[in-house]
Amino acid sequence: MPRGRHLALRRGAPLGSGRATWYQHPGRTASGERYDPDGLTAAHASLPFGSRVRVVNRSNNRSVVVRITDRINVRTKAKRSYVIDLSRGSARALGISGVAQVALYRADAPQDP
């Protein structure tokens, strides 16, 4: 197994992979908290609010742990399929300026020995 993949699996269970983008909007998230565009948060279609997810940018192997605070817009998802929508701060930490291929891992899972 390649070294990078082995390290990612040790950090938590794989949740999937696909396209990611970033978003910015004023107001509150679906979880009810105020949206912070520079925070390390994200929107996901089904993960529980408060879940922590390690997002790995497949093009540069940068990763960041984000907290799920919002939902992906169903109408937007029907037009453009994304696995996760990142806050502006999360996207910057990953080096994403538009759309990127990412892998998702559960970040709140116990560490392997």
C-alpha atoms as a PDB file:
ATOM      1  CA  MET A   1       0.000   0.000   0.000  1.00  0.00           C
ATOM      2  CA  PRO A   2       1.412   3.455  -0.864  1.00  0.00           C
ATOM      3  CA  ARG A   3       2.661   5.368   2.159  1.00  0.00           C
ATOM      4  CA  GLY A   4       0.226   8.303   1.864  1.00  0.00           C
ATOM      5  CA  ARG A   5      -2.837   6.096   1.616  1.00  0.00           C
ATOM      6  CA  HIS A   6      -1.720   3.984   4.576  1.00  0.00           C
ATOM      7  CA  LEU A   7      -1.386   7.097   6.758  1.00  0.00           C
ATOM      8  CA  ALA A   8      -4.814   8.372   5.723  1.00  0.00           C
ATOM      9  CA  LEU A   9      -6.471   5.048   6.575  1.00  0.00           C
ATOM     10  CA  ARG A  10      -4.852   5.026  10.012  1.00  0.00           C
ATOM     11  CA  ARG A  11      -6.432   8.381  10.824  1.00  0.00           C
ATOM     12  CA  GLY A  12      -9.985   7.144  10.329  1.00  0.00           C
ATOM     13  CA  ALA A  13     -12.453   5.212   8.280  1.00  0.00           C
ATOM     14  CA  PRO A  14     -12.843   6.169   4.615  1.00  0.00           C
ATOM     15  CA  LEU A  15     -16.097   8.041   3.924  1.00  0.00           C
ATOM     16  CA  GLY A  16     -15.815   8.391   0.163  1.00  0.00           C
ATOM     17  CA  SER A  17     -14.300  10.532  -2.512  1.00  0.00           C
ATOM     18  CA  GLY A  18     -15.352  12.819  -5.312  1.00  0.00           C
ATOM     19  CA  ARG A  19     -15.514  16.442  -6.288  1.00  0.00           C
ATOM     20  CA  ALA A  20     -15.370  19.271  -3.778  1.00  0.00           C
ATOM     21  CA  THR A  21     -16.016  22.959  -4.179  1.00  0.00           C
ATOM     22  CA  TRP A  22     -16.235  25.894  -1.808  1.00  0.00           C
ATOM     23  CA  TYR A  23     -19.071  28.214  -0.953  1.00  0.00           C
ATOM     24  CA  GLN A  24     -19.769  31.438   0.871  1.00  0.00           C
ATOM     25  CA  HIS A  25     -23.072  32.836   2.040  1.00  0.00           C
ATOM     26  CA  PRO A  26     -24.248  35.272   4.700  1.00  0.00           C
ATOM     27  CA  GLY A  27     -26.289  34.234   7.699  1.00  0.00           C
ATOM     28  CA  ARG A  28     -26.777  30.924   9.417  1.00  0.00           C
ATOM     29  CA  THR A  29     -25.958  27.364   8.458  1.00  0.00           C
ATOM     30  CA  ALA A  30     -28.474  24.517   8.467  1.00  0.00           C
ATOM     31  CA  SER A  31     -27.213  23.579  11.952  1.00  0.00           C
ATOM     32  CA  GLY A  32     -28.251  27.033  13.191  1.00  0.00           C
ATOM     33  CA  GLU A  33     -24.817  28.480  13.820  1.00  0.00           C
ATOM     34  CA  ARG A  34     -23.519  31.616  12.171  1.00  0.00           C
ATOM     35  CA  TYR A  35     -21.543  30.894   8.990  1.00  0.00           C
ATOM     36  CA  ASP A  36     -17.863  31.838   9.236  1.00  0.00           C
ATOM     37  CA  PRO A  37     -16.365  31.874   5.721  1.00  0.00           C
ATOM     38  CA  ASP A  38     -12.845  31.663   7.140  1.00  0.00           C
ATOM     39  CA  GLY A  39     -13.620  28.780   9.502  1.00  0.00           C
ATOM     40  CA  LEU A  40     -12.728  25.140   8.906  1.00  0.00           C
ATOM     41  CA  THR A  41     -16.259  23.952   8.213  1.00  0.00           C
ATOM     42  CA  ALA A  42     -18.160  22.262   5.402  1.00  0.00           C
ATOM     43  CA  ALA A  43     -21.544  21.211   4.085  1.00  0.00           C
ATOM     44  CA  HIS A  44     -22.371  17.542   3.457  1.00  0.00           C
ATOM     45  CA  ALA A  45     -25.545  15.849   2.260  1.00  0.00           C
ATOM     46  CA  SER A  46     -25.963  13.363   5.105  1.00  0.00           C
ATOM     47  CA  LEU A  47     -23.230  13.375   7.771  1.00  0.00           C
ATOM     48  CA  PRO A  48     -24.482  14.495  11.194  1.00  0.00           C
ATOM     49  CA  PHE A  49     -23.853  18.094  12.217  1.00  0.00           C
ATOM     50  CA  GLY A  50     -20.696  18.337  14.302  1.00  0.00           C
ATOM     51  CA  SER A  51     -18.992  15.404  12.544  1.00  0.00           C
ATOM     52  CA  ARG A  52     -15.298  15.957  11.989  1.00  0.00           C
ATOM     53  CA  VAL A  53     -13.998  14.918   8.572  1.00  0.00           C
ATOM     54  CA  ARG A  54     -10.442  14.862   7.234  1.00  0.00           C
ATOM     55  CA  VAL A  55     -10.533  16.136   3.643  1.00  0.00           C
ATOM     56  CA  VAL A  56      -7.519  15.297   1.452  1.00  0.00           C
ATOM     57  CA  ASN A  57      -6.929  17.184  -1.801  1.00  0.00           C
ATOM     58  CA  ARG A  58      -5.879  14.435  -4.212  1.00  0.00           C
ATOM     59  CA  SER A  59      -3.887  16.751  -6.468  1.00  0.00           C
ATOM     60  CA  ASN A  60      -1.486  18.032  -3.796  1.00  0.00           C
ATOM     61  CA  ASN A  61      -2.089  15.690  -0.788  1.00  0.00           C
ATOM     62  CA  ARG A  62      -2.858  18.627   1.516  1.00  0.00           C
ATOM     63  CA  SER A  63      -5.400  17.801   4.191  1.00  0.00           C
ATOM     64  CA  VAL A  64      -7.526  19.610   6.746  1.00  0.00           C
ATOM     65  CA  VAL A  65     -10.044  18.524   9.369  1.00  0.00           C
ATOM     66  CA  VAL A  66     -13.407  20.253   8.939  1.00  0.00           C
ATOM     67  CA  ARG A  67     -16.576  20.226  11.013  1.00  0.00           C
ATOM     68  CA  ILE A  68     -19.900  19.607   9.272  1.00  0.00           C
ATOM     69  CA  THR A  69     -22.202  22.560   9.974  1.00  0.00           C
ATOM     70  CA  ASP A  70     -24.331  22.803   6.847  1.00  0.00           C
ATOM     71  CA  ARG A  71     -26.134  20.808   4.166  1.00  0.00           C
ATOM     72  CA  ILE A  72     -25.424  20.655   0.454  1.00  0.00           C
ATOM     73  CA  ASN A  73     -28.207  22.371  -1.464  1.00  0.00           C
ATOM     74  CA  VAL A  74     -30.313  19.613  -3.065  1.00  0.00           C
ATOM     75  CA  ARG A  75     -31.062  21.656  -6.199  1.00  0.00           C
ATOM     76  CA  THR A  76     -27.386  22.503  -6.677  1.00  0.00           C
ATOM     77  CA  LYS A  77     -26.375  18.882  -6.120  1.00  0.00           C
ATOM     78  CA  ALA A  78     -28.818  17.747  -8.815  1.00  0.00           C
ATOM     79  CA  LYS A  79     -27.065  20.013 -11.347  1.00  0.00           C
ATOM     80  CA  ARG A  80     -23.469  19.501 -10.165  1.00  0.00           C
ATOM     81  CA  SER A  81     -22.567  16.488  -8.101  1.00  0.00           C
ATOM     82  CA  TYR A  82     -20.215  17.314  -5.210  1.00  0.00           C
ATOM     83  CA  VAL A  83     -19.293  15.092  -2.284  1.00  0.00           C
ATOM     84  CA  ILE A  84     -18.625  18.087   0.003  1.00  0.00           C
ATOM     85  CA  ASP A  85     -18.892  21.885  -0.072  1.00  0.00           C
ATOM     86  CA  LEU A  86     -16.087  23.549   1.851  1.00  0.00           C
ATOM     87  CA  SER A  87     -16.018  26.933   3.536  1.00  0.00           C
ATOM     88  CA  ARG A  88     -13.643  29.430   1.951  1.00  0.00           C
ATOM     89  CA  GLY A  89     -11.139  28.906   4.801  1.00  0.00           C
ATOM     90  CA  SER A  90     -11.199  25.119   4.362  1.00  0.00           C
ATOM     91  CA  ALA A  91     -10.719  25.414   0.600  1.00  0.00           C
ATOM     92  CA  ARG A  92      -7.769  27.784   1.055  1.00  0.00           C
ATOM     93  CA  ALA A  93      -6.131  25.388   3.525  1.00  0.00           C
ATOM     94  CA  LEU A  94      -6.404  22.649   0.880  1.00  0.00           C
ATOM     95  CA  GLY A  95      -5.214  24.835  -2.000  1.00  0.00           C
ATOM     96  CA  ILE A  96      -8.599  24.674  -3.775  1.00  0.00           C
ATOM     97  CA  SER A  97      -9.734  27.704  -5.755  1.00  0.00           C
ATOM     98  CA  GLY A  98     -12.539  26.074  -7.739  1.00  0.00           C
ATOM     99  CA  VAL A  99     -13.345  22.375  -7.951  1.00  0.00           C
ATOM    100  CA  ALA A 100     -10.990  19.585  -6.857  1.00  0.00           C
ATOM    101  CA  GLN A 101     -10.969  15.829  -6.379  1.00  0.00           C
ATOM    102  CA  VAL A 102     -10.881  14.941  -2.683  1.00  0.00           C
ATOM    103  CA  ALA A 103     -11.004  11.936  -0.386  1.00  0.00           C
ATOM    104  CA  LEU A 104     -12.928  12.022   2.898  1.00  0.00           C
ATOM    105  CA  TYR A 105     -11.997  10.207   6.101  1.00  0.00           C
ATOM    106  CA  ARG A 106     -13.662  10.123   9.505  1.00  0.00           C
ATOM    107  CA  ALA A 107     -11.502  12.333  11.729  1.00  0.00           C
ATOM    108  CA  ASP A 108     -13.176  11.586  15.037  1.00  0.00           C
ATOM    109  CA  ALA A 109     -12.479   7.834  14.842  1.00  0.00           C
ATOM    110  CA  PRO A 110      -9.952   6.435  17.329  1.00  0.00           C
ATOM    111  CA  GLN A 111      -6.314   6.345  16.191  1.00  0.00           C
ATOM    112  CA  ASP A 112      -4.757   2.977  15.380  1.00  0.00           C
ATOM    113  CA  PRO A 113      -1.936   1.922  17.725  1.00  0.00           C
END
